[in-house]
Protein backbone atom coordinates (compact mmCIF):
# COMPACT_ATOMS: atom_id res chain seq x y z
CA UNK A 1 -175.42 -52.64 159.08
CA UNK A 2 -174.76 -54.77 156.02
CA UNK A 3 -178.29 -56.16 156.09
CA UNK A 4 -179.75 -52.68 156.56
CA UNK A 5 -177.88 -51.23 153.58
CA UNK A 6 -178.56 -54.16 151.29
CA UNK A 7 -182.25 -54.35 152.17
CA UNK A 8 -182.74 -50.70 151.26
CA UNK A 9 -181.54 -51.51 147.75
CA UNK A 10 -184.27 -54.14 147.29
CA UNK A 11 -186.87 -51.44 146.65
CA UNK A 12 -184.79 -50.19 143.74
CA UNK A 13 -184.75 -53.68 142.21
CA UNK A 14 -188.43 -54.35 142.93
CA UNK A 15 -189.47 -53.13 139.49
CA UNK A 16 -187.58 -55.96 137.80
CA UNK A 17 -189.41 -59.29 137.96
CA UNK A 18 -186.63 -61.85 138.56
CA UNK A 19 -184.01 -59.37 139.69
CA UNK A 20 -185.21 -59.39 143.30
CA UNK A 21 -184.63 -63.12 143.59
CA UNK A 22 -181.17 -62.89 142.05
CA UNK A 23 -180.40 -59.89 144.22
CA UNK A 24 -181.37 -61.87 147.33
CA UNK A 25 -178.95 -64.65 146.43
CA UNK A 26 -176.18 -62.14 145.77
CA UNK A 27 -176.91 -60.50 149.12
CA UNK A 28 -176.56 -63.83 150.94
CA UNK A 29 -173.28 -64.51 149.15
CA UNK A 30 -171.99 -61.07 150.10
CA UNK A 31 -172.88 -61.53 153.77
CA UNK A 32 -171.18 -64.93 153.95
CA UNK A 33 -168.09 -63.44 152.29
CA UNK A 34 -168.02 -60.58 154.78
CA UNK A 35 -168.24 -62.98 157.72
CA UNK A 36 -165.24 -64.84 156.36
CA UNK A 37 -163.35 -61.58 155.80
CA UNK A 38 -163.76 -60.60 159.44
CA UNK A 39 -161.94 -63.80 160.45
CA UNK A 40 -159.10 -63.89 157.95
CA UNK A 41 -155.88 -61.88 157.82
CA UNK A 42 -154.83 -59.22 157.00
CA UNK A 43 -158.03 -57.55 158.23
CA UNK A 44 -159.22 -60.10 160.78
CA UNK A 45 -161.09 -57.60 162.93
CA UNK A 46 -162.71 -60.31 165.04
CA UNK A 47 -159.32 -61.90 165.70
CA UNK A 48 -157.88 -58.63 166.97
CA UNK A 49 -160.92 -58.10 169.16
CA UNK A 50 -160.61 -61.62 170.58
CA UNK A 51 -156.92 -60.98 171.25
CA UNK A 52 -157.78 -57.85 173.22
CA UNK A 53 -160.22 -59.67 175.52
CA UNK A 54 -158.36 -63.00 175.79
CA UNK A 55 -155.94 -63.76 178.62
CA UNK A 56 -152.32 -62.80 177.98
CA UNK A 57 -151.31 -66.47 177.70
CA UNK A 58 -153.22 -66.75 174.40
CA UNK A 59 -151.29 -65.37 171.45
CA UNK A 60 -152.60 -64.10 168.14
CA UNK A 61 -151.05 -67.19 166.54
CA UNK A 62 -153.24 -69.38 168.76
CA UNK A 63 -156.29 -67.48 167.58
CA UNK A 64 -155.29 -67.84 163.93
CA UNK A 65 -154.99 -71.60 164.38
CA UNK A 66 -158.33 -71.76 166.21
CA UNK A 67 -160.37 -70.08 163.47
CA UNK A 68 -159.15 -72.27 160.60
CA UNK A 69 -162.00 -74.83 160.98
CA UNK A 70 -164.59 -72.03 161.03
CA UNK A 71 -163.11 -70.42 157.92
CA UNK A 72 -163.20 -73.77 156.13
CA UNK A 73 -166.85 -74.24 157.12
CA UNK A 74 -167.78 -70.77 155.91
CA UNK A 75 -166.03 -71.31 152.58
CA UNK A 76 -167.84 -74.63 152.20
CA UNK A 77 -171.14 -72.89 152.97
CA UNK A 78 -170.34 -70.19 150.43
CA UNK A 79 -169.57 -72.84 147.81
CA UNK A 80 -172.85 -74.61 148.56
CA UNK A 81 -174.85 -71.40 148.09
CA UNK A 82 -173.02 -70.72 144.82
CA UNK A 83 -173.68 -74.25 143.52
CA UNK A 84 -177.23 -74.53 144.90
CA UNK A 85 -178.79 -71.03 145.12
CA UNK A 86 -182.04 -72.64 146.28
CA UNK A 87 -180.47 -72.81 149.74
CA UNK A 88 -180.62 -69.02 149.99
CA UNK A 89 -184.18 -68.98 148.67
CA UNK A 90 -185.63 -71.72 150.87
CA UNK A 91 -186.81 -69.53 153.75
CA UNK A 92 -188.31 -66.75 151.58
CA UNK A 93 -190.13 -69.39 149.52
CA UNK A 94 -191.42 -70.96 152.73
CA UNK A 95 -192.68 -67.66 154.10
CA UNK A 96 -193.99 -65.99 150.95
CA UNK A 97 -194.72 -69.02 148.79
CA UNK A 98 -193.18 -69.84 145.45
């Protein structure tokens, strides 16, 4: 849904020459941020879903401890895209040319 809504906004920005490229980087940053938000409290929707399907011996605390490495990796990935925006532009440049 996030990709669908953000891709519909690209046509609005298509009139601006460099705005589409910047908008693509911002869209990637937003999607990475949303993935992290679904794993972190207080609105860790994925954690509550996993708790509902996990055996009763697994507590929500166990799930919170288990996702810490993934959250760290996602934050590191977000930092890399912020520092080096070329990472987000690599695939479009490969497909459409520079």
